[in-house]
Amino acid sequence: MILNENSNLLDIGCGNGWVFFIAKKLGFKKLVGISWDRNQIAKISGRLNLDNLELLVGDVRQLDKINLSYKFDIVDLLKFLKKIY
């Protein structure tokens, strides 16, 4: 798979949003972050002013209830896995 300006990224358990800084530099088309922590979402939202960033508050164990209208080329869930193991 070749990643380019049409690539989409989903970050599950997006923490402080550092992945979005990298993805922005790489020119991703759409960035979506999901976290259960409203405070983290608010911090990311306040720090990053990106038109292509969508932040959602939700429980990743119930992804079927979160409306994701995109297909993703990359899914980052390392921070999520780190918390559960």
N, C-alpha and C. Protein backbone atom coordinates (compact mmCIF):
# COMPACT_ATOMS: atom_id res chain seq x y z
N MET A 1 0.84 -1.18 0.00
CA MET A 1 0.00 0.00 0.00
C MET A 1 0.89 1.24 0.00
N ILE A 2 0.54 2.16 -0.84
CA ILE A 2 1.25 3.44 -0.89
C ILE A 2 0.40 4.49 -0.21
N LEU A 3 0.99 5.15 0.78
CA LEU A 3 0.28 6.21 1.48
C LEU A 3 0.54 7.53 0.78
N ASN A 4 -0.52 8.32 0.63
CA ASN A 4 -0.38 9.60 -0.04
C ASN A 4 -1.41 10.58 0.52
N GLU A 5 -1.63 11.67 -0.18
CA GLU A 5 -2.54 12.71 0.31
C GLU A 5 -4.00 12.27 0.31
N ASN A 6 -4.30 11.10 -0.22
CA ASN A 6 -5.66 10.57 -0.17
C ASN A 6 -5.85 9.52 0.93
N SER A 7 -4.84 9.33 1.76
CA SER A 7 -4.89 8.32 2.82
C SER A 7 -5.62 8.84 4.05
N ASN A 8 -6.32 7.94 4.73
CA ASN A 8 -7.06 8.26 5.94
C ASN A 8 -6.48 7.49 7.13
N LEU A 9 -6.45 8.15 8.29
CA LEU A 9 -5.88 7.56 9.50
C LEU A 9 -6.91 7.57 10.63
N LEU A 10 -7.06 6.44 11.30
CA LEU A 10 -7.89 6.32 12.49
C LEU A 10 -6.97 6.03 13.66
N ASP A 11 -7.04 6.86 14.70
CA ASP A 11 -6.23 6.67 15.90
C ASP A 11 -7.17 6.33 17.05
N ILE A 12 -7.13 5.08 17.50
CA ILE A 12 -7.99 4.62 18.58
C ILE A 12 -7.24 4.79 19.89
N GLY A 13 -7.84 5.52 20.83
CA GLY A 13 -7.15 5.84 22.08
C GLY A 13 -6.07 6.85 21.79
N CYS A 14 -6.45 7.98 21.21
CA CYS A 14 -5.51 8.92 20.61
C CYS A 14 -4.63 9.69 21.60
N GLY A 15 -4.78 9.46 22.89
CA GLY A 15 -3.87 10.06 23.87
C GLY A 15 -3.74 11.56 23.72
N ASN A 16 -2.50 12.02 23.57
CA ASN A 16 -2.27 13.47 23.45
C ASN A 16 -2.27 13.95 22.00
N GLY A 17 -2.50 13.06 21.06
CA GLY A 17 -2.65 13.45 19.66
C GLY A 17 -1.35 13.56 18.87
N TRP A 18 -0.25 13.05 19.40
CA TRP A 18 1.04 13.21 18.72
C TRP A 18 1.05 12.57 17.34
N VAL A 19 0.27 11.50 17.14
CA VAL A 19 0.21 10.85 15.83
C VAL A 19 -0.33 11.81 14.77
N PHE A 20 -1.23 12.70 15.19
CA PHE A 20 -1.81 13.65 14.24
C PHE A 20 -0.78 14.66 13.75
N PHE A 21 0.18 15.03 14.59
CA PHE A 21 1.26 15.93 14.16
C PHE A 21 2.04 15.29 13.01
N ILE A 22 2.36 14.02 13.16
CA ILE A 22 3.11 13.30 12.12
C ILE A 22 2.26 13.15 10.86
N ALA A 23 1.01 12.74 11.05
CA ALA A 23 0.12 12.54 9.91
C ALA A 23 -0.10 13.84 9.14
N LYS A 24 -0.15 14.94 9.86
CA LYS A 24 -0.31 16.25 9.19
C LYS A 24 0.88 16.52 8.28
N LYS A 25 2.08 16.26 8.78
CA LYS A 25 3.29 16.49 7.97
C LYS A 25 3.33 15.57 6.76
N LEU A 26 2.75 14.37 6.90
CA LEU A 26 2.73 13.42 5.79
C LEU A 26 1.60 13.71 4.80
N GLY A 27 0.69 14.61 5.15
CA GLY A 27 -0.35 15.04 4.23
C GLY A 27 -1.56 14.14 4.13
N PHE A 28 -1.91 13.46 5.21
CA PHE A 28 -3.08 12.59 5.18
C PHE A 28 -4.34 13.39 4.87
N LYS A 29 -5.27 12.75 4.18
CA LYS A 29 -6.51 13.41 3.77
C LYS A 29 -7.46 13.59 4.95
N LYS A 30 -7.67 12.54 5.73
CA LYS A 30 -8.62 12.57 6.85
C LYS A 30 -7.97 11.93 8.07
N LEU A 31 -8.12 12.60 9.21
CA LEU A 31 -7.61 12.10 10.49
C LEU A 31 -8.78 11.99 11.45
N VAL A 32 -8.95 10.82 12.05
CA VAL A 32 -10.02 10.61 13.02
C VAL A 32 -9.42 10.01 14.28
N GLY A 33 -9.76 10.60 15.42
CA GLY A 33 -9.30 10.10 16.71
C GLY A 33 -10.48 9.76 17.59
N ILE A 34 -10.36 8.64 18.31
CA ILE A 34 -11.41 8.21 19.24
C ILE A 34 -10.78 8.00 20.61
N SER A 35 -11.42 8.57 21.62
CA SER A 35 -10.97 8.37 23.00
C SER A 35 -12.18 8.44 23.92
N TRP A 36 -12.11 7.73 25.01
CA TRP A 36 -13.17 7.80 26.02
C TRP A 36 -12.98 9.02 26.92
N ASP A 37 -11.79 9.62 26.87
CA ASP A 37 -11.43 10.72 27.76
C ASP A 37 -11.74 12.07 27.13
N ARG A 38 -12.82 12.70 27.56
CA ARG A 38 -13.24 14.00 27.03
C ARG A 38 -12.16 15.07 27.21
N ASN A 39 -11.43 15.00 28.32
CA ASN A 39 -10.37 15.99 28.58
C ASN A 39 -9.26 15.90 27.55
N GLN A 40 -8.86 14.69 27.20
CA GLN A 40 -7.82 14.52 26.18
C GLN A 40 -8.29 15.04 24.82
N ILE A 41 -9.54 14.74 24.48
CA ILE A 41 -10.10 15.22 23.22
C ILE A 41 -10.09 16.75 23.20
N ALA A 42 -10.47 17.37 24.32
CA ALA A 42 -10.49 18.83 24.40
C ALA A 42 -9.08 19.41 24.26
N LYS A 43 -8.08 18.76 24.87
CA LYS A 43 -6.69 19.23 24.76
C LYS A 43 -6.19 19.15 23.32
N ILE A 44 -6.46 18.03 22.68
CA ILE A 44 -6.04 17.87 21.28
C ILE A 44 -6.72 18.93 20.42
N SER A 45 -7.99 19.08 20.63
CA SER A 45 -8.78 20.04 19.87
C SER A 45 -8.24 21.46 20.04
N GLY A 46 -7.83 21.80 21.25
CA GLY A 46 -7.30 23.13 21.52
C GLY A 46 -5.91 23.36 20.94
N ARG A 47 -5.13 22.29 20.83
CA ARG A 47 -3.76 22.41 20.32
C ARG A 47 -3.66 22.34 18.81
N LEU A 48 -4.52 21.53 18.21
CA LEU A 48 -4.44 21.32 16.76
C LEU A 48 -5.60 22.01 16.07
N ASN A 49 -5.28 22.78 15.07
CA ASN A 49 -6.31 23.43 14.28
C ASN A 49 -6.23 22.87 12.86
N LEU A 50 -6.83 21.69 12.70
CA LEU A 50 -6.76 21.01 11.42
C LEU A 50 -8.16 20.83 10.86
N ASP A 51 -8.35 21.23 9.62
CA ASP A 51 -9.65 21.06 8.97
C ASP A 51 -10.00 19.59 8.74
N ASN A 52 -8.98 18.76 8.61
CA ASN A 52 -9.21 17.36 8.28
C ASN A 52 -9.20 16.45 9.51
N LEU A 53 -9.31 17.03 10.71
CA LEU A 53 -9.27 16.25 11.96
C LEU A 53 -10.67 16.17 12.57
N GLU A 54 -11.10 14.95 12.85
CA GLU A 54 -12.37 14.71 13.53
C GLU A 54 -12.08 13.93 14.81
N LEU A 55 -12.51 14.47 15.95
CA LEU A 55 -12.27 13.83 17.24
C LEU A 55 -13.60 13.38 17.83
N LEU A 56 -13.63 12.14 18.27
CA LEU A 56 -14.86 11.55 18.80
C LEU A 56 -14.63 11.03 20.21
N VAL A 57 -15.60 11.26 21.07
CA VAL A 57 -15.57 10.68 22.41
C VAL A 57 -16.40 9.41 22.35
N GLY A 58 -15.80 8.30 22.74
CA GLY A 58 -16.55 7.05 22.70
C GLY A 58 -15.75 5.90 23.25
N ASP A 59 -16.42 4.82 23.50
CA ASP A 59 -15.82 3.59 23.99
C ASP A 59 -15.47 2.73 22.79
N VAL A 60 -14.21 2.46 22.60
CA VAL A 60 -13.78 1.71 21.42
C VAL A 60 -14.28 0.28 21.42
N ARG A 61 -14.72 -0.20 22.57
CA ARG A 61 -15.29 -1.55 22.62
C ARG A 61 -16.67 -1.57 21.97
N GLN A 62 -17.19 -0.38 21.66
CA GLN A 62 -18.49 -0.28 21.01
C GLN A 62 -18.37 0.52 19.71
N LEU A 63 -17.38 0.18 18.91
CA LEU A 63 -17.15 0.90 17.66
C LEU A 63 -18.36 0.83 16.73
N ASP A 64 -19.13 -0.23 16.84
CA ASP A 64 -20.30 -0.34 15.97
C ASP A 64 -21.33 0.74 16.26
N LYS A 65 -21.26 1.38 17.43
CA LYS A 65 -22.20 2.45 17.77
C LYS A 65 -21.64 3.84 17.45
N ILE A 66 -20.38 3.88 17.04
CA ILE A 66 -19.76 5.15 16.66
C ILE A 66 -19.86 5.27 15.15
N ASN A 67 -20.40 6.37 14.68
CA ASN A 67 -20.62 6.57 13.25
C ASN A 67 -19.31 6.94 12.56
N LEU A 68 -18.69 5.97 11.93
CA LEU A 68 -17.47 6.22 11.16
C LEU A 68 -17.83 6.11 9.68
N SER A 69 -17.82 7.22 9.00
CA SER A 69 -18.25 7.23 7.61
C SER A 69 -17.08 7.18 6.63
N TYR A 70 -15.92 6.75 7.11
CA TYR A 70 -14.73 6.69 6.26
C TYR A 70 -14.15 5.29 6.28
N LYS A 71 -13.42 4.97 5.23
CA LYS A 71 -12.56 3.79 5.23
C LYS A 71 -11.17 4.30 5.56
N PHE A 72 -10.40 3.50 6.29
CA PHE A 72 -9.10 3.94 6.76
C PHE A 72 -7.98 3.10 6.18
N ASP A 73 -6.89 3.79 5.85
CA ASP A 73 -5.70 3.12 5.32
C ASP A 73 -4.78 2.68 6.45
N ILE A 74 -4.81 3.41 7.56
CA ILE A 74 -4.00 3.08 8.73
C ILE A 74 -4.87 3.21 9.97
N VAL A 75 -4.73 2.22 10.87
CA VAL A 75 -5.39 2.29 12.17
C VAL A 75 -4.31 2.16 13.23
N ASP A 76 -4.19 3.19 14.06
CA ASP A 76 -3.21 3.20 15.15
C ASP A 76 -3.95 2.91 16.44
N LEU A 77 -3.54 1.84 17.13
CA LEU A 77 -4.15 1.55 18.41
C LEU A 77 -3.13 1.12 19.45
N LEU A 78 -1.89 1.55 19.26
CA LEU A 78 -0.84 1.18 20.19
C LEU A 78 -1.09 1.70 21.60
N LYS A 79 -1.54 2.93 21.73
CA LYS A 79 -1.80 3.49 23.06
C LYS A 79 -2.96 2.77 23.72
N PHE A 80 -3.93 2.38 22.93
CA PHE A 80 -5.07 1.63 23.46
C PHE A 80 -4.62 0.28 23.98
N LEU A 81 -3.84 -0.44 23.19
CA LEU A 81 -3.36 -1.76 23.61
C LEU A 81 -2.48 -1.65 24.85
N LYS A 82 -1.68 -0.60 24.93
CA LYS A 82 -0.80 -0.40 26.08
C LYS A 82 -1.62 -0.26 27.37
N LYS A 83 -2.77 0.38 27.28
CA LYS A 83 -3.61 0.58 28.47
C LYS A 83 -4.31 -0.69 28.92
N ILE A 84 -4.66 -1.58 27.99
CA ILE A 84 -5.42 -2.76 28.38
C ILE A 84 -4.52 -3.95 28.73
N TYR A 85 -3.25 -3.89 28.39
CA TYR A 85 -2.33 -5.00 28.73
C TYR A 85 -1.26 -4.55 29.65
